[in-house]
Amino acid sequence: MATRTHDDPDEEGVEFIHEDDGSITARDKETGVASFGETKAEALAMLAEALTLHDGGGEPVADEDLEAWGIDPEPEGNEDLPEFMR
């Protein structure tokens, strides 16, 4: 069973959760954004990246990126996808 520290929604900071598989989850108390790693330092680094993306940072994904990853940017049947994914 995962264990976690005291959770007060009015607090700022990071909460560490020790998962059953040995990984550590770091969760930003203010936003609820979380990421994980094998160590606290790795979890914090991954959380920092996740928070940057959450705040609108990073590069948009272009069709060329999708093609490089082997994903068809315009698959047939995309009318079933939500508008933001079309």
PDB file of N, CA and C in Angstrom:
ATOM      1  N   MET A   1       0.842  -1.169   0.000  1.00  0.00           N
ATOM      2  CA  MET A   1       0.000   0.000   0.000  1.00  0.00           C
ATOM      3  C   MET A   1       0.894   1.242   0.000  1.00  0.00           C
ATOM      4  N   ALA A   2       0.563   2.220  -0.850  1.00  0.00           N
ATOM      5  CA  ALA A   2       1.323   3.462  -0.899  1.00  0.00           C
ATOM      6  C   ALA A   2       1.094   4.256   0.381  1.00  0.00           C
ATOM      7  N   THR A   3       2.127   4.965   0.796  1.00  0.00           N
ATOM      8  CA  THR A   3       1.996   5.812   1.975  1.00  0.00           C
ATOM      9  C   THR A   3       2.223   7.253   1.566  1.00  0.00           C
ATOM     10  N   ARG A   4       1.583   8.182   2.254  1.00  0.00           N
ATOM     11  CA  ARG A   4       1.727   9.578   1.912  1.00  0.00           C
ATOM     12  C   ARG A   4       1.795  10.425   3.164  1.00  0.00           C
ATOM     13  N   THR A   5       2.287  11.636   2.977  1.00  0.00           N
ATOM     14  CA  THR A   5       2.415  12.551   4.092  1.00  0.00           C
ATOM     15  C   THR A   5       1.097  13.279   4.319  1.00  0.00           C
ATOM     16  N   HIS A   6       1.026  14.091   5.377  1.00  0.00           N
ATOM     17  CA  HIS A   6      -0.162  14.878   5.705  1.00  0.00           C
ATOM     18  C   HIS A   6      -0.599  15.712   4.511  1.00  0.00           C
ATOM     19  N   ASP A   7      -1.873  15.754   4.210  1.00  0.00           N
ATOM     20  CA  ASP A   7      -2.384  16.470   3.045  1.00  0.00           C
ATOM     21  C   ASP A   7      -3.331  17.575   3.497  1.00  0.00           C
ATOM     22  N   ASP A   8      -2.884  18.818   3.409  1.00  0.00           N
ATOM     23  CA  ASP A   8      -3.702  19.981   3.734  1.00  0.00           C
ATOM     24  C   ASP A   8      -3.876  20.785   2.456  1.00  0.00           C
ATOM     25  N   PRO A   9      -5.106  20.878   1.899  1.00  0.00           N
ATOM     26  CA  PRO A   9      -5.294  21.540   0.609  1.00  0.00           C
ATOM     27  C   PRO A   9      -4.885  23.011   0.601  1.00  0.00           C
ATOM     28  N   ASP A  10      -4.782  23.659   1.769  1.00  0.00           N
ATOM     29  CA  ASP A  10      -4.385  25.059   1.818  1.00  0.00           C
ATOM     30  C   ASP A  10      -2.868  25.224   1.808  1.00  0.00           C
ATOM     31  N   GLU A  11      -2.136  24.133   1.911  1.00  0.00           N
ATOM     32  CA  GLU A  11      -0.685  24.194   1.950  1.00  0.00           C
ATOM     33  C   GLU A  11      -0.110  24.283   0.554  1.00  0.00           C
ATOM     34  N   GLU A  12       1.075  24.888   0.484  1.00  0.00           N
ATOM     35  CA  GLU A  12       1.862  24.839  -0.736  1.00  0.00           C
ATOM     36  C   GLU A  12       2.983  23.856  -0.493  1.00  0.00           C
ATOM     37  N   GLY A  13       3.620  23.423  -1.541  1.00  0.00           N
ATOM     38  CA  GLY A  13       4.750  22.527  -1.398  1.00  0.00           C
ATOM     39  C   GLY A  13       4.543  21.243  -2.152  1.00  0.00           C
ATOM     40  N   VAL A  14       5.399  20.291  -1.843  1.00  0.00           N
ATOM     41  CA  VAL A  14       5.391  19.005  -2.531  1.00  0.00           C
ATOM     42  C   VAL A  14       5.143  17.897  -1.523  1.00  0.00           C
ATOM     43  N   GLU A  15       4.334  16.955  -1.910  1.00  0.00           N
ATOM     44  CA  GLU A  15       4.049  15.773  -1.107  1.00  0.00           C
ATOM     45  C   GLU A  15       4.734  14.584  -1.786  1.00  0.00           C
ATOM     46  N   PHE A  16       5.420  13.765  -1.014  1.00  0.00           N
ATOM     47  CA  PHE A  16       6.047  12.550  -1.537  1.00  0.00           C
ATOM     48  C   PHE A  16       5.207  11.351  -1.133  1.00  0.00           C
ATOM     49  N   ILE A  17       4.964  10.482  -2.108  1.00  0.00           N
ATOM     50  CA  ILE A  17       4.194   9.266  -1.873  1.00  0.00           C
ATOM     51  C   ILE A  17       5.095   8.091  -2.244  1.00  0.00           C
ATOM     52  N   HIS A  18       5.339   7.218  -1.291  1.00  0.00           N
ATOM     53  CA  HIS A  18       6.164   6.032  -1.525  1.00  0.00           C
ATOM     54  C   HIS A  18       5.246   4.919  -2.027  1.00  0.00           C
ATOM     55  N   GLU A  19       5.414   4.572  -3.306  1.00  0.00           N
ATOM     56  CA  GLU A  19       4.538   3.590  -3.951  1.00  0.00           C
ATOM     57  C   GLU A  19       4.966   2.165  -3.607  1.00  0.00           C
ATOM     58  N   ASP A  20       4.042   1.237  -3.771  1.00  0.00           N
ATOM     59  CA  ASP A  20       4.296  -0.173  -3.476  1.00  0.00           C
ATOM     60  C   ASP A  20       5.426  -0.759  -4.326  1.00  0.00           C
ATOM     61  N   ASP A  21       5.598  -0.244  -5.537  1.00  0.00           N
ATOM     62  CA  ASP A  21       6.628  -0.786  -6.424  1.00  0.00           C
ATOM     63  C   ASP A  21       8.013  -0.197  -6.166  1.00  0.00           C
ATOM     64  N   GLY A  22       8.137   0.657  -5.145  1.00  0.00           N
ATOM     65  CA  GLY A  22       9.418   1.251  -4.796  1.00  0.00           C
ATOM     66  C   GLY A  22       9.651   2.621  -5.391  1.00  0.00           C
ATOM     67  N   SER A  23       8.816   3.037  -6.340  1.00  0.00           N
ATOM     68  CA  SER A  23       8.980   4.371  -6.913  1.00  0.00           C
ATOM     69  C   SER A  23       8.433   5.418  -5.946  1.00  0.00           C
ATOM     70  N   ILE A  24       8.782   6.652  -6.211  1.00  0.00           N
ATOM     71  CA  ILE A  24       8.330   7.761  -5.372  1.00  0.00           C
ATOM     72  C   ILE A  24       7.580   8.744  -6.248  1.00  0.00           C
ATOM     73  N   THR A  25       6.385   9.100  -5.833  1.00  0.00           N
ATOM     74  CA  THR A  25       5.591  10.102  -6.529  1.00  0.00           C
ATOM     75  C   THR A  25       5.753  11.432  -5.812  1.00  0.00           C
ATOM     76  N   ALA A  26       6.002  12.476  -6.589  1.00  0.00           N
ATOM     77  CA  ALA A  26       6.048  13.841  -6.056  1.00  0.00           C
ATOM     78  C   ALA A  26       4.814  14.557  -6.588  1.00  0.00           C
ATOM     79  N   ARG A  27       4.009  15.126  -5.672  1.00  0.00           N
ATOM     80  CA  ARG A  27       2.776  15.800  -6.066  1.00  0.00           C
ATOM     81  C   ARG A  27       2.797  17.230  -5.569  1.00  0.00           C
ATOM     82  N   ASP A  28       2.554  18.175  -6.475  1.00  0.00           N
ATOM     83  CA  ASP A  28       2.441  19.576  -6.100  1.00  0.00           C
ATOM     84  C   ASP A  28       1.092  19.774  -5.418  1.00  0.00           C
ATOM     85  N   LYS A  29       1.113  20.218  -4.172  1.00  0.00           N
ATOM     86  CA  LYS A  29      -0.126  20.335  -3.391  1.00  0.00           C
ATOM     87  C   LYS A  29      -1.070  21.391  -3.948  1.00  0.00           C
ATOM     88  N   GLU A  30      -0.529  22.448  -4.529  1.00  0.00           N
ATOM     89  CA  GLU A  30      -1.375  23.535  -5.027  1.00  0.00           C
ATOM     90  C   GLU A  30      -2.145  23.134  -6.281  1.00  0.00           C
ATOM     91  N   THR A  31      -1.469  22.486  -7.241  1.00  0.00           N
ATOM     92  CA  THR A  31      -2.097  22.159  -8.523  1.00  0.00           C
ATOM     93  C   THR A  31      -2.600  20.731  -8.615  1.00  0.00           C
ATOM     94  N   GLY A  32      -2.033  19.840  -7.804  1.00  0.00           N
ATOM     95  CA  GLY A  32      -2.372  18.427  -7.904  1.00  0.00           C
ATOM     96  C   GLY A  32      -1.579  17.697  -8.977  1.00  0.00           C
ATOM     97  N   VAL A  33      -0.718  18.420  -9.709  1.00  0.00           N
ATOM     98  CA  VAL A  33       0.115  17.800 -10.733  1.00  0.00           C
ATOM     99  C   VAL A  33       1.114  16.872 -10.044  1.00  0.00           C
ATOM    100  N   ALA A  34       1.323  15.698 -10.622  1.00  0.00           N
ATOM    101  CA  ALA A  34       2.219  14.724 -10.011  1.00  0.00           C
ATOM    102  C   ALA A  34       3.085  14.060 -11.074  1.00  0.00           C
ATOM    103  N   SER A  35       4.228  13.574 -10.632  1.00  0.00           N
ATOM    104  CA  SER A  35       5.106  12.773 -11.469  1.00  0.00           C
ATOM    105  C   SER A  35       5.889  11.852 -10.548  1.00  0.00           C
ATOM    106  N   PHE A  36       6.667  10.942 -11.124  1.00  0.00           N
ATOM    107  CA  PHE A  36       7.334   9.957 -10.280  1.00  0.00           C
ATOM    108  C   PHE A  36       8.746   9.694 -10.758  1.00  0.00           C
ATOM    109  N   GLY A  37       9.502   9.036  -9.901  1.00  0.00           N
ATOM    110  CA  GLY A  37      10.862   8.628 -10.220  1.00  0.00           C
ATOM    111  C   GLY A  37      11.315   7.567  -9.246  1.00  0.00           C
ATOM    112  N   GLU A  38      12.533   7.101  -9.444  1.00  0.00           N
ATOM    113  CA  GLU A  38      13.090   6.076  -8.572  1.00  0.00           C
ATOM    114  C   GLU A  38      13.622   6.674  -7.263  1.00  0.00           C
ATOM    115  N   THR A  39      13.933   7.978  -7.286  1.00  0.00           N
ATOM    116  CA  THR A  39      14.421   8.681  -6.093  1.00  0.00           C
ATOM    117  C   THR A  39      13.617   9.968  -5.939  1.00  0.00           C
ATOM    118  N   LYS A  40      13.744  10.602  -4.759  1.00  0.00           N
ATOM    119  CA  LYS A  40      13.067  11.883  -4.567  1.00  0.00           C
ATOM    120  C   LYS A  40      13.579  12.924  -5.554  1.00  0.00           C
ATOM    121  N   ALA A  41      14.889  12.936  -5.780  1.00  0.00           N
ATOM    122  CA  ALA A  41      15.471  13.914  -6.708  1.00  0.00           C
ATOM    123  C   ALA A  41      14.922  13.719  -8.123  1.00  0.00           C
ATOM    124  N   GLU A  42      14.836  12.463  -8.564  1.00  0.00           N
ATOM    125  CA  GLU A  42      14.299  12.189  -9.896  1.00  0.00           C
ATOM    126  C   GLU A  42      12.824  12.564  -9.969  1.00  0.00           C
ATOM    127  N   ALA A  43      12.074  12.241  -8.926  1.00  0.00           N
ATOM    128  CA  ALA A  43      10.650  12.593  -8.898  1.00  0.00           C
ATOM    129  C   ALA A  43      10.463  14.102  -8.942  1.00  0.00           C
ATOM    130  N   LEU A  44      11.306  14.849  -8.222  1.00  0.00           N
ATOM    131  CA  LEU A  44      11.219  16.316  -8.248  1.00  0.00           C
ATOM    132  C   LEU A  44      11.561  16.874  -9.623  1.00  0.00           C
ATOM    133  N   ALA A  45      12.572  16.324 -10.263  1.00  0.00           N
ATOM    134  CA  ALA A  45      12.948  16.781 -11.600  1.00  0.00           C
ATOM    135  C   ALA A  45      11.809  16.539 -12.589  1.00  0.00           C
ATOM    136  N   MET A  46      11.197  15.370 -12.506  1.00  0.00           N
ATOM    137  CA  MET A  46      10.071  15.046 -13.394  1.00  0.00           C
ATOM    138  C   MET A  46       8.863  15.931 -13.078  1.00  0.00           C
ATOM    139  N   LEU A  47       8.643  16.221 -11.791  1.00  0.00           N
ATOM    140  CA  LEU A  47       7.550  17.103 -11.397  1.00  0.00           C
ATOM    141  C   LEU A  47       7.780  18.506 -11.936  1.00  0.00           C
ATOM    142  N   ALA A  48       9.020  18.996 -11.885  1.00  0.00           N
ATOM    143  CA  ALA A  48       9.329  20.324 -12.416  1.00  0.00           C
ATOM    144  C   ALA A  48       8.969  20.402 -13.900  1.00  0.00           C
ATOM    145  N   GLU A  49       9.300  19.355 -14.652  1.00  0.00           N
ATOM    146  CA  GLU A  49       8.962  19.329 -16.073  1.00  0.00           C
ATOM    147  C   GLU A  49       7.447  19.293 -16.269  1.00  0.00           C
ATOM    148  N   ALA A  50       6.761  18.478 -15.478  1.00  0.00           N
ATOM    149  CA  ALA A  50       5.305  18.386 -15.585  1.00  0.00           C
ATOM    150  C   ALA A  50       4.639  19.717 -15.258  1.00  0.00           C
ATOM    151  N   LEU A  51       5.155  20.427 -14.259  1.00  0.00           N
ATOM    152  CA  LEU A  51       4.589  21.739 -13.910  1.00  0.00           C
ATOM    153  C   LEU A  51       4.830  22.756 -15.013  1.00  0.00           C
ATOM    154  N   THR A  52       5.998  22.696 -15.664  1.00  0.00           N
ATOM    155  CA  THR A  52       6.270  23.586 -16.783  1.00  0.00           C
ATOM    156  C   THR A  52       5.253  23.357 -17.895  1.00  0.00           C
ATOM    157  N   LEU A  53       5.006  22.099 -18.211  1.00  0.00           N
ATOM    158  CA  LEU A  53       4.027  21.777 -19.249  1.00  0.00           C
ATOM    159  C   LEU A  53       2.618  22.157 -18.814  1.00  0.00           C
ATOM    160  N   HIS A  54       2.296  21.949 -17.559  1.00  0.00           N
ATOM    161  CA  HIS A  54       0.986  22.300 -17.015  1.00  0.00           C
ATOM    162  C   HIS A  54       0.734  23.804 -17.143  1.00  0.00           C
ATOM    163  N   ASP A  55       1.804  24.585 -16.984  1.00  0.00           N
ATOM    164  CA  ASP A  55       1.694  26.041 -17.059  1.00  0.00           C
ATOM    165  C   ASP A  55       1.788  26.581 -18.486  1.00  0.00           C
ATOM    166  N   GLY A  56       1.782  25.686 -19.476  1.00  0.00           N
ATOM    167  CA  GLY A  56       1.766  26.126 -20.869  1.00  0.00           C
ATOM    168  C   GLY A  56       3.128  26.164 -21.527  1.00  0.00           C
ATOM    169  N   GLY A  57       4.161  25.712 -20.845  1.00  0.00           N
ATOM    170  CA  GLY A  57       5.491  25.686 -21.436  1.00  0.00           C
ATOM    171  C   GLY A  57       5.637  24.519 -22.392  1.00  0.00           C
ATOM    172  N   GLY A  58       6.786  24.430 -22.998  1.00  0.00           N
ATOM    173  CA  GLY A  58       7.059  23.336 -23.918  1.00  0.00           C
ATOM    174  C   GLY A  58       6.742  23.723 -25.342  1.00  0.00           C
ATOM    175  N   GLU A  59       6.995  22.810 -26.229  1.00  0.00           N
ATOM    176  CA  GLU A  59       6.789  23.015 -27.660  1.00  0.00           C
ATOM    177  C   GLU A  59       5.527  22.284 -28.105  1.00  0.00           C
ATOM    178  N   PRO A  60       4.760  22.903 -29.004  1.00  0.00           N
ATOM    179  CA  PRO A  60       3.590  22.192 -29.531  1.00  0.00           C
ATOM    180  C   PRO A  60       4.032  21.005 -30.388  1.00  0.00           C
ATOM    181  N   VAL A  61       3.208  19.993 -30.458  1.00  0.00           N
ATOM    182  CA  VAL A  61       3.495  18.816 -31.269  1.00  0.00           C
ATOM    183  C   VAL A  61       3.016  19.092 -32.688  1.00  0.00           C
ATOM    184  N   ALA A  62       3.919  18.946 -33.656  1.00  0.00           N
ATOM    185  CA  ALA A  62       3.594  19.164 -35.065  1.00  0.00           C
ATOM    186  C   ALA A  62       3.315  17.825 -35.742  1.00  0.00           C
ATOM    187  N   ASP A  63       2.689  17.876 -36.911  1.00  0.00           N
ATOM    188  CA  ASP A  63       2.421  16.659 -37.668  1.00  0.00           C
ATOM    189  C   ASP A  63       3.704  15.883 -37.945  1.00  0.00           C
ATOM    190  N   GLU A  64       4.797  16.608 -38.191  1.00  0.00           N
ATOM    191  CA  GLU A  64       6.081  15.948 -38.457  1.00  0.00           C
ATOM    192  C   GLU A  64       6.536  15.133 -37.239  1.00  0.00           C
ATOM    193  N   ASP A  65       6.286  15.657 -36.038  1.00  0.00           N
ATOM    194  CA  ASP A  65       6.627  14.923 -34.816  1.00  0.00           C
ATOM    195  C   ASP A  65       5.832  13.624 -34.745  1.00  0.00           C
ATOM    196  N   LEU A  66       4.534  13.724 -34.987  1.00  0.00           N
ATOM    197  CA  LEU A  66       3.680  12.535 -34.935  1.00  0.00           C
ATOM    198  C   LEU A  66       4.146  11.490 -35.942  1.00  0.00           C
ATOM    199  N   GLU A  67       4.465  11.933 -37.154  1.00  0.00           N
ATOM    200  CA  GLU A  67       4.924  11.002 -38.180  1.00  0.00           C
ATOM    201  C   GLU A  67       6.236  10.334 -37.765  1.00  0.00           C
ATOM    202  N   ALA A  68       7.144  11.097 -37.155  1.00  0.00           N
ATOM    203  CA  ALA A  68       8.416  10.540 -36.689  1.00  0.00           C
ATOM    204  C   ALA A  68       8.192   9.484 -35.608  1.00  0.00           C
ATOM    205  N   TRP A  69       7.134   9.627 -34.842  1.00  0.00           N
ATOM    206  CA  TRP A  69       6.808   8.669 -33.785  1.00  0.00           C
ATOM    207  C   TRP A  69       5.946   7.519 -34.290  1.00  0.00           C
ATOM    208  N   GLY A  70       5.645   7.520 -35.603  1.00  0.00           N
ATOM    209  CA  GLY A  70       4.839   6.453 -36.180  1.00  0.00           C
ATOM    210  C   GLY A  70       3.354   6.608 -35.943  1.00  0.00           C
ATOM    211  N   ILE A  71       2.911   7.850 -35.744  1.00  0.00           N
ATOM    212  CA  ILE A  71       1.490   8.128 -35.500  1.00  0.00           C
ATOM    213  C   ILE A  71       0.942   8.903 -36.693  1.00  0.00           C
ATOM    214  N   ASP A  72      -0.166   8.419 -37.248  1.00  0.00           N
ATOM    215  CA  ASP A  72      -0.802   9.103 -38.371  1.00  0.00           C
ATOM    216  C   ASP A  72      -1.474  10.368 -37.845  1.00  0.00           C
ATOM    217  N   PRO A  73      -1.045  11.559 -38.310  1.00  0.00           N
ATOM    218  CA  PRO A  73      -1.631  12.793 -37.793  1.00  0.00           C
ATOM    219  C   PRO A  73      -3.097  13.003 -38.171  1.00  0.00           C
ATOM    220  N   GLU A  74      -3.552  12.306 -39.216  1.00  0.00           N
ATOM    221  CA  GLU A  74      -4.948  12.430 -39.634  1.00  0.00           C
ATOM    222  C   GLU A  74      -5.553  11.049 -39.874  1.00  0.00           C
ATOM    223  N   PRO A  75      -5.733  10.270 -38.801  1.00  0.00           N
ATOM    224  CA  PRO A  75      -6.280   8.920 -38.997  1.00  0.00           C
ATOM    225  C   PRO A  75      -7.732   8.973 -39.451  1.00  0.00           C
ATOM    226  N   GLU A  76      -8.127   7.950 -40.209  1.00  0.00           N
ATOM    227  CA  GLU A  76      -9.530   7.863 -40.609  1.00  0.00           C
ATOM    228  C   GLU A  76     -10.372   7.598 -39.377  1.00  0.00           C
ATOM    229  N   GLY A  77     -11.564   8.114 -39.386  1.00  0.00           N
ATOM    230  CA  GLY A  77     -12.451   7.916 -38.254  1.00  0.00           C
ATOM    231  C   GLY A  77     -12.215   8.910 -37.133  1.00  0.00           C
ATOM    232  N   ASN A  78     -11.529  10.022 -37.430  1.00  0.00           N
ATOM    233  CA  ASN A  78     -11.244  10.986 -36.376  1.00  0.00           C
ATOM    234  C   ASN A  78     -12.467  11.785 -35.957  1.00  0.00           C
ATOM    235  N   GLU A  79     -13.607  11.580 -36.618  1.00  0.00           N
ATOM    236  CA  GLU A  79     -14.813  12.274 -36.191  1.00  0.00           C
ATOM    237  C   GLU A  79     -15.271  11.814 -34.809  1.00  0.00           C
ATOM    238  N   ASP A  80     -14.788  10.658 -34.358  1.00  0.00           N
ATOM    239  CA  ASP A  80     -15.129  10.175 -33.017  1.00  0.00           C
ATOM    240  C   ASP A  80     -14.248  10.803 -31.942  1.00  0.00           C
ATOM    241  N   LEU A  81     -13.182  11.496 -32.373  1.00  0.00           N
ATOM    242  CA  LEU A  81     -12.276  12.123 -31.417  1.00  0.00           C
ATOM    243  C   LEU A  81     -12.854  13.440 -30.913  1.00  0.00           C
ATOM    244  N   PRO A  82     -12.489  13.846 -29.711  1.00  0.00           N
ATOM    245  CA  PRO A  82     -12.900  15.177 -29.245  1.00  0.00           C
ATOM    246  C   PRO A  82     -12.324  16.247 -30.160  1.00  0.00           C
ATOM    247  N   GLU A  83     -12.967  17.372 -30.235  1.00  0.00           N
ATOM    248  CA  GLU A  83     -12.576  18.459 -31.140  1.00  0.00           C
ATOM    249  C   GLU A  83     -11.085  18.823 -31.002  1.00  0.00           C
ATOM    250  N   PHE A  84     -10.577  18.902 -29.765  1.00  0.00           N
ATOM    251  CA  PHE A  84      -9.197  19.326 -29.570  1.00  0.00           C
ATOM    252  C   PHE A  84      -8.181  18.317 -30.112  1.00  0.00           C
ATOM    253  N   MET A  85      -8.624  17.088 -30.403  1.00  0.00           N
ATOM    254  CA  MET A  85      -7.708  16.075 -30.918  1.00  0.00           C
ATOM    255  C   MET A  85      -7.801  15.917 -32.433  1.00  0.00           C
ATOM    256  N   ARG A  86      -8.701  16.631 -33.074  1.00  0.00           N
ATOM    257  CA  ARG A  86      -8.851  16.526 -34.531  1.00  0.00           C
ATOM    258  C   ARG A  86      -7.843  17.369 -35.244  1.00  0.00           C
TER     259      ARG A  86
END
